[in-house]
Amino acid sequence: MRSQDLIISKSNDSIQCKITKLKKNNIYFVFKNNQQYQSTLIPLTEIVSYEYNFDEENRIPKEKIPGYIEYSKVRISLQGGYSYQIGKINDEGSQELREYLEKLRPGYHFGGDFTYYFAESFGVGVKYQQFRTSTDFTNVVFFEAINNGPVNRLLKDDISISFIGALLSARLYNKAKLNAFFFNTSIGYMTYSNNAIYEDAIKLKGNTLGFASDIGYDIGIADNLSLGFQLSTFFGQLSKLETDNGTSQRSIDIARNEGGGLGRFDLSIGLRFNL
């Protein structure tokens, strides 16, 4: 609903209306006539004065204003794409081991958001995104004191990192409300899982507080449907891992300078359903 404005003409008419546009020579407005809303204009030369928000009680429905476009209150996004981890790699170990760990940096992701906009530009919701990466190498050199020197080991990592959390969103439409820039920030829960082989099979799990942010652009391609492009960042720091080799379990503390960082960039493309 929109408060009514007041136009006073030189013929001493008082017109209660909603002013929609003011141009050099004319003033455009919507008014109610015999239970019908009509739009028209009057030359500025015929006006004595005008006042915005003259009547706060008797309002004109916003959908009756020409050019009004209702904004989408619900945005459901589904996306996937390329990811790259930016966490620290421990400098200890052989060159082959460091090269192996570098191969675990790139991966892929998939996920989705649900956002409810309580105003055109601001909303809240939930976010879920999962990152996957894996690699293996059959001839990595380790230096082990128990074997008096280097030994070759089979290595395999199959890593998944999930994020779920609350989301705060800001949105900026273009004039036609077909396309939109958006920025999201999230705080939530990150989980780390690795089905690994370090000569023997072992499972590693951990969790931590996580943070995420997104910036992107949605392009309308059909009614209530957009194609979206998005750049996201994720941050988290593991302080402990739980390991299970099938016969025993134990906890491993991770110092910040020893790794454990879950930071990464995600470059996404996906569909947005605007309801």
C-alpha atoms as a PDB file:
ATOM      1  CA  MET A   1       0.000   0.000   0.000  1.00  0.00           C
ATOM      2  CA  ARG A   2       1.130   3.564  -0.756  1.00  0.00           C
ATOM      3  CA  SER A   3       0.181   6.765   1.112  1.00  0.00           C
ATOM      4  CA  GLN A   4      -1.867   9.214  -0.939  1.00  0.00           C
ATOM      5  CA  ASP A   5      -0.412  12.480  -2.166  1.00  0.00           C
ATOM      6  CA  LEU A   6      -2.230  15.779  -2.777  1.00  0.00           C
ATOM      7  CA  ILE A   7      -2.304  17.962  -5.885  1.00  0.00           C
ATOM      8  CA  ILE A   8      -3.990  21.407  -5.812  1.00  0.00           C
ATOM      9  CA  SER A   9      -4.831  22.817  -9.226  1.00  0.00           C
ATOM     10  CA  LYS A  10      -5.287  26.412 -10.301  1.00  0.00           C
ATOM     11  CA  SER A  11      -9.013  25.718 -10.639  1.00  0.00           C
ATOM     12  CA  ASN A  12      -8.939  25.077  -6.876  1.00  0.00           C
ATOM     13  CA  ASP A  13      -9.444  21.312  -7.180  1.00  0.00           C
ATOM     14  CA  SER A  14      -7.847  19.121  -4.524  1.00  0.00           C
ATOM     15  CA  ILE A  15      -6.825  15.794  -6.034  1.00  0.00           C
ATOM     16  CA  GLN A  16      -5.949  12.979  -3.662  1.00  0.00           C
ATOM     17  CA  CYS A  17      -3.789  10.547  -5.618  1.00  0.00           C
ATOM     18  CA  LYS A  18      -0.449   8.766  -5.828  1.00  0.00           C
ATOM     19  CA  ILE A  19       2.153  10.713  -7.766  1.00  0.00           C
ATOM     20  CA  THR A  20       4.115   8.259  -9.888  1.00  0.00           C
ATOM     21  CA  LYS A  21       6.351  10.495 -11.968  1.00  0.00           C
ATOM     22  CA  LEU A  22       7.391  14.137 -12.102  1.00  0.00           C
ATOM     23  CA  LYS A  23       8.755  15.454 -15.381  1.00  0.00           C
ATOM     24  CA  LYS A  24       9.682  18.847 -16.734  1.00  0.00           C
ATOM     25  CA  ASN A  25       6.208  19.725 -18.032  1.00  0.00           C
ATOM     26  CA  ASN A  26       3.825  17.209 -16.457  1.00  0.00           C
ATOM     27  CA  ILE A  27       3.026  15.403 -13.252  1.00  0.00           C
ATOM     28  CA  TYR A  28       1.771  11.812 -13.524  1.00  0.00           C
ATOM     29  CA  PHE A  29      -0.509  10.251 -10.924  1.00  0.00           C
ATOM     30  CA  VAL A  30      -2.969   7.481 -10.084  1.00  0.00           C
ATOM     31  CA  PHE A  31      -6.353   8.274  -8.510  1.00  0.00           C
ATOM     32  CA  LYS A  32      -9.564   6.463  -7.633  1.00  0.00           C
ATOM     33  CA  ASN A  33     -12.639   7.277  -9.718  1.00  0.00           C
ATOM     34  CA  ASN A  34     -15.952   5.430  -9.110  1.00  0.00           C
ATOM     35  CA  GLN A  35     -14.199   2.491  -7.427  1.00  0.00           C
ATOM     36  CA  GLN A  36     -11.732   2.220 -10.317  1.00  0.00           C
ATOM     37  CA  TYR A  37      -8.084   3.237 -10.277  1.00  0.00           C
ATOM     38  CA  GLN A  38      -7.011   5.367 -13.218  1.00  0.00           C
ATOM     39  CA  SER A  39      -3.712   6.901 -14.268  1.00  0.00           C
ATOM     40  CA  THR A  40      -3.393  10.278 -15.927  1.00  0.00           C
ATOM     41  CA  LEU A  41      -1.301  13.446 -15.999  1.00  0.00           C
ATOM     42  CA  ILE A  42      -1.710  17.175 -15.534  1.00  0.00           C
ATOM     43  CA  PRO A  43       0.541  19.969 -16.858  1.00  0.00           C
ATOM     44  CA  LEU A  44       2.642  21.631 -14.204  1.00  0.00           C
ATOM     45  CA  THR A  45       1.401  24.995 -15.457  1.00  0.00           C
ATOM     46  CA  GLU A  46      -2.052  24.085 -14.126  1.00  0.00           C
ATOM     47  CA  ILE A  47      -0.828  23.190 -10.628  1.00  0.00           C
ATOM     48  CA  VAL A  48      -0.587  25.492  -7.644  1.00  0.00           C
ATOM     49  CA  SER A  49       1.161  22.958  -5.368  1.00  0.00           C
ATOM     50  CA  TYR A  50       1.568  19.273  -4.581  1.00  0.00           C
ATOM     51  CA  GLU A  51       2.406  17.354  -1.422  1.00  0.00           C
ATOM     52  CA  TYR A  52       3.710  13.829  -0.939  1.00  0.00           C
ATOM     53  CA  ASN A  53       2.283  11.498   1.779  1.00  0.00           C
ATOM     54  CA  PHE A  54      -0.619  13.827   2.520  1.00  0.00           C
ATOM     55  CA  ASP A  55      -2.966  11.037   3.657  1.00  0.00           C
ATOM     56  CA  GLU A  56      -1.403   8.112   5.548  1.00  0.00           C
ATOM     57  CA  GLU A  57      -4.723   6.388   6.248  1.00  0.00           C
ATOM     58  CA  ASN A  58      -6.408   6.142   2.832  1.00  0.00           C
ATOM     59  CA  ARG A  59      -3.856   4.333   0.743  1.00  0.00           C
ATOM     60  CA  ILE A  60      -3.629   3.180  -2.857  1.00  0.00           C
ATOM     61  CA  PRO A  61      -2.689  -0.505  -3.372  1.00  0.00           C
ATOM     62  CA  LYS A  62       0.814  -0.682  -4.779  1.00  0.00           C
ATOM     63  CA  GLU A  63      -0.240  -3.142  -7.489  1.00  0.00           C
ATOM     64  CA  LYS A  64      -2.496  -0.413  -8.945  1.00  0.00           C
ATOM     65  CA  ILE A  65       0.474   1.832  -9.662  1.00  0.00           C
ATOM     66  CA  PRO A  66       1.648   1.666 -13.320  1.00  0.00           C
ATOM     67  CA  GLY A  67       5.016  -0.015 -13.722  1.00  0.00           C
ATOM     68  CA  TYR A  68       4.818  -1.720 -10.332  1.00  0.00           C
ATOM     69  CA  ILE A  69       6.428  -5.163 -10.350  1.00  0.00           C
ATOM     70  CA  GLU A  70       6.134  -7.419  -7.324  1.00  0.00           C
ATOM     71  CA  TYR A  71       9.467  -8.766  -6.122  1.00  0.00           C
ATOM     72  CA  SER A  72      10.155 -12.447  -5.550  1.00  0.00           C
ATOM     73  CA  LYS A  73       9.840 -13.382  -1.892  1.00  0.00           C
ATOM     74  CA  VAL A  74      11.367 -16.885  -2.151  1.00  0.00           C
ATOM     75  CA  ARG A  75      14.597 -17.789  -3.957  1.00  0.00           C
ATOM     76  CA  ILE A  76      15.596 -21.445  -4.279  1.00  0.00           C
ATOM     77  CA  SER A  77      19.022 -21.930  -5.830  1.00  0.00           C
ATOM     78  CA  LEU A  78      20.712 -25.109  -7.015  1.00  0.00           C
ATOM     79  CA  GLN A  79      24.320 -24.911  -8.138  1.00  0.00           C
ATOM     80  CA  GLY A  80      27.533 -26.765  -8.789  1.00  0.00           C
ATOM     81  CA  GLY A  81      30.951 -26.177 -10.255  1.00  0.00           C
ATOM     82  CA  TYR A  82      34.700 -25.962  -9.741  1.00  0.00           C
ATOM     83  CA  SER A  83      36.409 -25.605  -6.355  1.00  0.00           C
ATOM     84  CA  TYR A  84      39.934 -24.905  -5.170  1.00  0.00           C
ATOM     85  CA  GLN A  85      41.220 -25.393  -1.628  1.00  0.00           C
ATOM     86  CA  ILE A  86      43.500 -22.715  -0.189  1.00  0.00           C
ATOM     87  CA  GLY A  87      44.509 -24.350   3.110  1.00  0.00           C
ATOM     88  CA  LYS A  88      48.147 -24.631   4.163  1.00  0.00           C
ATOM     89  CA  ILE A  89      50.108 -27.724   3.125  1.00  0.00           C
ATOM     90  CA  ASN A  90      52.630 -29.022   5.655  1.00  0.00           C
ATOM     91  CA  ASP A  91      56.174 -28.461   4.394  1.00  0.00           C
ATOM     92  CA  GLU A  92      57.415 -31.679   5.948  1.00  0.00           C
ATOM     93  CA  GLY A  93      57.750 -34.800   3.809  1.00  0.00           C
ATOM     94  CA  SER A  94      59.113 -35.560   0.371  1.00  0.00           C
ATOM     95  CA  GLN A  95      58.575 -33.594  -2.819  1.00  0.00           C
ATOM     96  CA  GLU A  96      56.333 -36.404  -4.089  1.00  0.00           C
ATOM     97  CA  LEU A  97      54.125 -36.093  -0.991  1.00  0.00           C
ATOM     98  CA  ARG A  98      53.770 -32.328  -1.402  1.00  0.00           C
ATOM     99  CA  GLU A  99      52.881 -32.780  -5.070  1.00  0.00           C
ATOM    100  CA  TYR A 100      50.330 -35.388  -4.065  1.00  0.00           C
ATOM    101  CA  LEU A 101      48.713 -33.007  -1.577  1.00  0.00           C
ATOM    102  CA  GLU A 102      48.617 -30.275  -4.220  1.00  0.00           C
ATOM    103  CA  LYS A 103      46.468 -32.571  -6.374  1.00  0.00           C
ATOM    104  CA  LEU A 104      43.863 -32.542  -3.607  1.00  0.00           C
ATOM    105  CA  ARG A 105      43.376 -28.769  -3.861  1.00  0.00           C
ATOM    106  CA  PRO A 106      41.031 -28.727  -6.905  1.00  0.00           C
ATOM    107  CA  GLY A 107      37.687 -30.486  -6.836  1.00  0.00           C
ATOM    108  CA  TYR A 108      34.007 -29.934  -7.452  1.00  0.00           C
ATOM    109  CA  HIS A 109      31.003 -28.921  -5.398  1.00  0.00           C
ATOM    110  CA  PHE A 110      27.213 -28.989  -5.413  1.00  0.00           C
ATOM    111  CA  GLY A 111      24.614 -27.463  -3.158  1.00  0.00           C
ATOM    112  CA  GLY A 112      21.633 -25.212  -2.748  1.00  0.00           C
ATOM    113  CA  ASP A 113      20.163 -22.266  -0.851  1.00  0.00           C
ATOM    114  CA  PHE A 114      16.676 -21.411   0.353  1.00  0.00           C
ATOM    115  CA  THR A 115      16.111 -17.708   0.983  1.00  0.00           C
ATOM    116  CA  TYR A 116      13.016 -15.835   2.130  1.00  0.00           C
ATOM    117  CA  TYR A 117      13.048 -12.101   1.397  1.00  0.00           C
ATOM    118  CA  PHE A 118      11.103 -10.100   3.969  1.00  0.00           C
ATOM    119  CA  ALA A 119      11.869  -6.987   1.884  1.00  0.00           C
ATOM    120  CA  GLU A 120      12.866  -6.497  -1.726  1.00  0.00           C
ATOM    121  CA  SER A 121      16.562  -6.184  -0.877  1.00  0.00           C
ATOM    122  CA  PHE A 122      17.015  -8.291   2.273  1.00  0.00           C
ATOM    123  CA  GLY A 123      16.337 -11.893   3.200  1.00  0.00           C
ATOM    124  CA  VAL A 124      17.283 -14.804   5.450  1.00  0.00           C
ATOM    125  CA  GLY A 125      17.572 -18.503   4.771  1.00  0.00           C
ATOM    126  CA  VAL A 126      19.647 -21.668   4.925  1.00  0.00           C
ATOM    127  CA  LYS A 127      22.612 -22.851   2.865  1.00  0.00           C
ATOM    128  CA  TYR A 128      24.076 -26.276   2.106  1.00  0.00           C
ATOM    129  CA  GLN A 129      27.165 -26.975   0.013  1.00  0.00           C
ATOM    130  CA  GLN A 130      29.409 -30.035  -0.336  1.00  0.00           C
ATOM    131  CA  PHE A 131      32.933 -30.161  -1.728  1.00  0.00           C
ATOM    132  CA  ARG A 132      34.527 -33.348  -3.086  1.00  0.00           C
ATOM    133  CA  THR A 133      38.080 -34.180  -4.109  1.00  0.00           C
ATOM    134  CA  SER A 134      40.106 -37.387  -4.421  1.00  0.00           C
ATOM    135  CA  THR A 135      43.399 -38.709  -5.730  1.00  0.00           C
ATOM    136  CA  ASP A 136      45.764 -41.654  -5.254  1.00  0.00           C
ATOM    137  CA  PHE A 137      49.429 -42.468  -5.735  1.00  0.00           C
ATOM    138  CA  THR A 138      51.123 -45.832  -5.472  1.00  0.00           C
ATOM    139  CA  ASN A 139      54.706 -44.779  -4.947  1.00  0.00           C
ATOM    140  CA  VAL A 140      54.929 -41.969  -2.398  1.00  0.00           C
ATOM    141  CA  VAL A 141      58.216 -41.844  -0.462  1.00  0.00           C
ATOM    142  CA  PHE A 142      58.042 -41.556   3.347  1.00  0.00           C
ATOM    143  CA  PHE A 143      61.027 -41.298   5.638  1.00  0.00           C
ATOM    144  CA  GLU A 144      60.524 -43.608   8.623  1.00  0.00           C
ATOM    145  CA  ALA A 145      62.989 -44.039  11.418  1.00  0.00           C
ATOM    146  CA  ILE A 146      61.692 -47.518  12.184  1.00  0.00           C
ATOM    147  CA  ASN A 147      62.728 -48.653   8.696  1.00  0.00           C
ATOM    148  CA  ASN A 148      66.015 -46.727   8.789  1.00  0.00           C
ATOM    149  CA  GLY A 149      65.171 -44.554   5.779  1.00  0.00           C
ATOM    150  CA  PRO A 150      62.758 -44.040   2.909  1.00  0.00           C
ATOM    151  CA  VAL A 151      59.909 -46.432   2.150  1.00  0.00           C
ATOM    152  CA  ASN A 152      57.273 -46.453  -0.588  1.00  0.00           C
ATOM    153  CA  ARG A 153      53.620 -46.360   0.423  1.00  0.00           C
ATOM    154  CA  LEU A 154      50.231 -46.444  -1.283  1.00  0.00           C
ATOM    155  CA  LEU A 155      48.289 -43.237  -0.719  1.00  0.00           C
ATOM    156  CA  LYS A 156      44.653 -42.558  -1.463  1.00  0.00           C
ATOM    157  CA  ASP A 157      42.349 -39.776  -0.262  1.00  0.00           C
ATOM    158  CA  ASP A 158      38.615 -39.399  -0.919  1.00  0.00           C
ATOM    159  CA  ILE A 159      37.580 -36.183   0.832  1.00  0.00           C
ATOM    160  CA  SER A 160      34.202 -34.551   1.312  1.00  0.00           C
ATOM    161  CA  ILE A 161      33.636 -31.281   3.168  1.00  0.00           C
ATOM    162  CA  SER A 162      30.072 -30.181   3.902  1.00  0.00           C
ATOM    163  CA  PHE A 163      28.719 -26.850   5.090  1.00  0.00           C
ATOM    164  CA  ILE A 164      25.239 -26.147   6.434  1.00  0.00           C
ATOM    165  CA  GLY A 165      24.272 -22.878   8.029  1.00  0.00           C
ATOM    166  CA  ALA A 166      22.102 -19.806   8.357  1.00  0.00           C
ATOM    167  CA  LEU A 167      22.192 -17.268   5.550  1.00  0.00           C
ATOM    168  CA  LEU A 168      21.723 -13.483   5.379  1.00  0.00           C
ATOM    169  CA  SER A 169      21.145 -12.118   1.869  1.00  0.00           C
ATOM    170  CA  ALA A 170      21.211  -8.707   0.182  1.00  0.00           C
ATOM    171  CA  ARG A 171      19.746  -8.331  -3.337  1.00  0.00           C
ATOM    172  CA  LEU A 172      19.752  -5.552  -5.925  1.00  0.00           C
ATOM    173  CA  TYR A 173      17.347  -5.865  -8.869  1.00  0.00           C
ATOM    174  CA  ASN A 174      17.683  -4.191 -12.230  1.00  0.00           C
ATOM    175  CA  LYS A 175      14.849  -1.832 -13.218  1.00  0.00           C
ATOM    176  CA  ALA A 176      12.732  -4.549 -14.828  1.00  0.00           C
ATOM    177  CA  LYS A 177      13.282  -6.924 -11.884  1.00  0.00           C
ATOM    178  CA  LEU A 178      14.448  -9.662 -14.245  1.00  0.00           C
ATOM    179  CA  ASN A 179      18.113  -9.756 -13.222  1.00  0.00           C
ATOM    180  CA  ALA A 180      19.702  -9.231  -9.829  1.00  0.00           C
ATOM    181  CA  PHE A 181      23.031  -8.914  -8.045  1.00  0.00           C
ATOM    182  CA  PHE A 182      23.144 -10.666  -4.692  1.00  0.00           C
ATOM    183  CA  PHE A 183      25.495 -10.993  -1.751  1.00  0.00           C
ATOM    184  CA  ASN A 184      25.124 -13.677   0.933  1.00  0.00           C
ATOM    185  CA  THR A 185      26.976 -14.266   4.147  1.00  0.00           C
ATOM    186  CA  SER A 186      26.589 -17.421   6.256  1.00  0.00           C
ATOM    187  CA  ILE A 187      27.700 -18.974   9.506  1.00  0.00           C
ATOM    188  CA  GLY A 188      27.253 -22.636  10.218  1.00  0.00           C
ATOM    189  CA  TYR A 189      28.698 -26.108  10.714  1.00  0.00           C
ATOM    190  CA  MET A 190      31.444 -27.693   8.602  1.00  0.00           C
ATOM    191  CA  THR A 191      32.151 -31.422   8.550  1.00  0.00           C
ATOM    192  CA  TYR A 192      35.252 -33.137   7.144  1.00  0.00           C
ATOM    193  CA  SER A 193      35.294 -36.789   6.035  1.00  0.00           C
ATOM    194  CA  ASN A 194      38.125 -38.703   4.366  1.00  0.00           C
ATOM    195  CA  ASN A 195      38.043 -42.343   3.320  1.00  0.00           C
ATOM    196  CA  ALA A 196      41.783 -42.768   2.988  1.00  0.00           C
ATOM    197  CA  ILE A 197      44.418 -45.408   2.433  1.00  0.00           C
ATOM    198  CA  TYR A 198      47.810 -44.775   4.016  1.00  0.00           C
ATOM    199  CA  GLU A 199      49.056 -48.292   3.294  1.00  0.00           C
ATOM    200  CA  ASP A 200      45.973 -49.472   5.247  1.00  0.00           C
ATOM    201  CA  ALA A 201      42.403 -48.192   5.007  1.00  0.00           C
ATOM    202  CA  ILE A 202      41.510 -45.485   7.532  1.00  0.00           C
ATOM    203  CA  LYS A 203      38.589 -43.112   8.038  1.00  0.00           C
ATOM    204  CA  LEU A 204      39.143 -39.576   9.280  1.00  0.00           C
ATOM    205  CA  LYS A 205      36.386 -37.274  10.504  1.00  0.00           C
ATOM    206  CA  GLY A 206      36.215 -33.804  12.000  1.00  0.00           C
ATOM    207  CA  ASN A 207      33.963 -30.795  12.400  1.00  0.00           C
ATOM    208  CA  THR A 208      34.237 -27.104  13.136  1.00  0.00           C
ATOM    209  CA  LEU A 209      32.539 -23.725  12.945  1.00  0.00           C
ATOM    210  CA  GLY A 210      32.377 -22.510   9.357  1.00  0.00           C
ATOM    211  CA  PHE A 211      31.848 -19.253   7.478  1.00  0.00           C
ATOM    212  CA  ALA A 212      30.773 -18.662   3.883  1.00  0.00           C
ATOM    213  CA  SER A 213      30.113 -15.734   1.580  1.00  0.00           C
ATOM    214  CA  ASP A 214      28.678 -15.526  -1.949  1.00  0.00           C
ATOM    215  CA  ILE A 215      28.550 -12.847  -4.593  1.00  0.00           C
ATOM    216  CA  GLY A 216      26.727 -13.450  -7.839  1.00  0.00           C
ATOM    217  CA  TYR A 217      24.376 -12.400 -10.584  1.00  0.00           C
ATOM    218  CA  ASP A 218      21.067 -13.970 -11.624  1.00  0.00           C
ATOM    219  CA  ILE A 219      19.804 -13.575 -15.201  1.00  0.00           C
ATOM    220  CA  GLY A 220      16.102 -14.130 -15.852  1.00  0.00           C
ATOM    221  CA  ILE A 221      15.519 -16.720 -18.596  1.00  0.00           C
ATOM    222  CA  ALA A 222      11.811 -17.507 -18.043  1.00  0.00           C
ATOM    223  CA  ASP A 223       8.978 -16.705 -15.667  1.00  0.00           C
ATOM    224  CA  ASN A 224      10.214 -17.390 -12.125  1.00  0.00           C
ATOM    225  CA  LEU A 225      13.430 -18.970 -13.443  1.00  0.00           C
ATOM    226  CA  SER A 226      16.941 -17.508 -13.607  1.00  0.00           C
ATOM    227  CA  LEU A 227      20.415 -18.678 -14.570  1.00  0.00           C
ATOM    228  CA  GLY A 228      22.897 -17.788 -11.860  1.00  0.00           C
ATOM    229  CA  PHE A 229      26.657 -17.269 -11.698  1.00  0.00           C
ATOM    230  CA  GLN A 230      28.322 -17.199  -8.307  1.00  0.00           C
ATOM    231  CA  LEU A 231      31.696 -16.918  -6.561  1.00  0.00           C
ATOM    232  CA  SER A 232      31.824 -18.281  -3.006  1.00  0.00           C
ATOM    233  CA  THR A 233      34.407 -18.501  -0.244  1.00  0.00           C
ATOM    234  CA  PHE A 234      34.416 -20.921   2.687  1.00  0.00           C
ATOM    235  CA  PHE A 235      36.543 -20.814   5.830  1.00  0.00           C
ATOM    236  CA  GLY A 236      36.981 -23.199   8.742  1.00  0.00           C
ATOM    237  CA  GLN A 237      39.796 -24.618  10.849  1.00  0.00           C
ATOM    238  CA  LEU A 238      39.940 -28.182  12.170  1.00  0.00           C
ATOM    239  CA  SER A 239      41.543 -28.570  15.581  1.00  0.00           C
ATOM    240  CA  LYS A 240      40.982 -32.321  15.944  1.00  0.00           C
ATOM    241  CA  LEU A 241      40.456 -35.409  13.778  1.00  0.00           C
ATOM    242  CA  GLU A 242      38.858 -38.698  14.789  1.00  0.00           C
ATOM    243  CA  THR A 243      40.487 -41.710  13.099  1.00  0.00           C
ATOM    244  CA  ASP A 244      39.175 -45.256  12.667  1.00  0.00           C
ATOM    245  CA  ASN A 245      41.242 -48.010  11.022  1.00  0.00           C
ATOM    246  CA  GLY A 246      38.675 -50.730  11.641  1.00  0.00           C
ATOM    247  CA  THR A 247      40.274 -52.050  14.788  1.00  0.00           C
ATOM    248  CA  SER A 248      40.880 -48.930  16.876  1.00  0.00           C
ATOM    249  CA  GLN A 249      39.871 -45.299  17.112  1.00  0.00           C
ATOM    250  CA  ARG A 250      41.817 -42.319  18.331  1.00  0.00           C
ATOM    251  CA  SER A 251      41.836 -38.525  18.272  1.00  0.00           C
ATOM    252  CA  ILE A 252      44.551 -36.411  16.684  1.00  0.00           C
ATOM    253  CA  ASP A 253      45.029 -32.780  17.709  1.00  0.00           C
ATOM    254  CA  ILE A 254      45.930 -30.439  14.861  1.00  0.00           C
ATOM    255  CA  ALA A 255      47.933 -27.277  15.502  1.00  0.00           C
ATOM    256  CA  ARG A 256      47.066 -24.305  13.290  1.00  0.00           C
ATOM    257  CA  ASN A 257      50.536 -24.321  11.709  1.00  0.00           C
ATOM    258  CA  GLU A 258      50.170 -28.036  10.857  1.00  0.00           C
ATOM    259  CA  GLY A 259      47.230 -27.579   8.486  1.00  0.00           C
ATOM    260  CA  GLY A 260      43.593 -28.376   9.103  1.00  0.00           C
ATOM    261  CA  GLY A 261      42.384 -25.352   7.158  1.00  0.00           C
ATOM    262  CA  LEU A 262      39.165 -25.887   5.199  1.00  0.00           C
ATOM    263  CA  GLY A 263      39.271 -22.659   3.225  1.00  0.00           C
ATOM    264  CA  ARG A 264      38.387 -22.748  -0.470  1.00  0.00           C
ATOM    265  CA  PHE A 265      36.902 -20.867  -3.424  1.00  0.00           C
ATOM    266  CA  ASP A 266      33.854 -22.149  -5.346  1.00  0.00           C
ATOM    267  CA  LEU A 267      32.937 -20.978  -8.842  1.00  0.00           C
ATOM    268  CA  SER A 268      29.329 -21.986  -9.554  1.00  0.00           C
ATOM    269  CA  ILE A 269      26.631 -21.983 -12.178  1.00  0.00           C
ATOM    270  CA  GLY A 270      23.069 -22.985 -11.431  1.00  0.00           C
ATOM    271  CA  LEU A 271      19.335 -22.455 -11.623  1.00  0.00           C
ATOM    272  CA  ARG A 272      17.321 -20.096  -9.425  1.00  0.00           C
ATOM    273  CA  PHE A 273      13.611 -20.589  -8.810  1.00  0.00           C
ATOM    274  CA  ASN A 274      11.980 -17.284  -7.844  1.00  0.00           C
ATOM    275  CA  LEU A 275       8.569 -17.666  -6.232  1.00  0.00           C
END
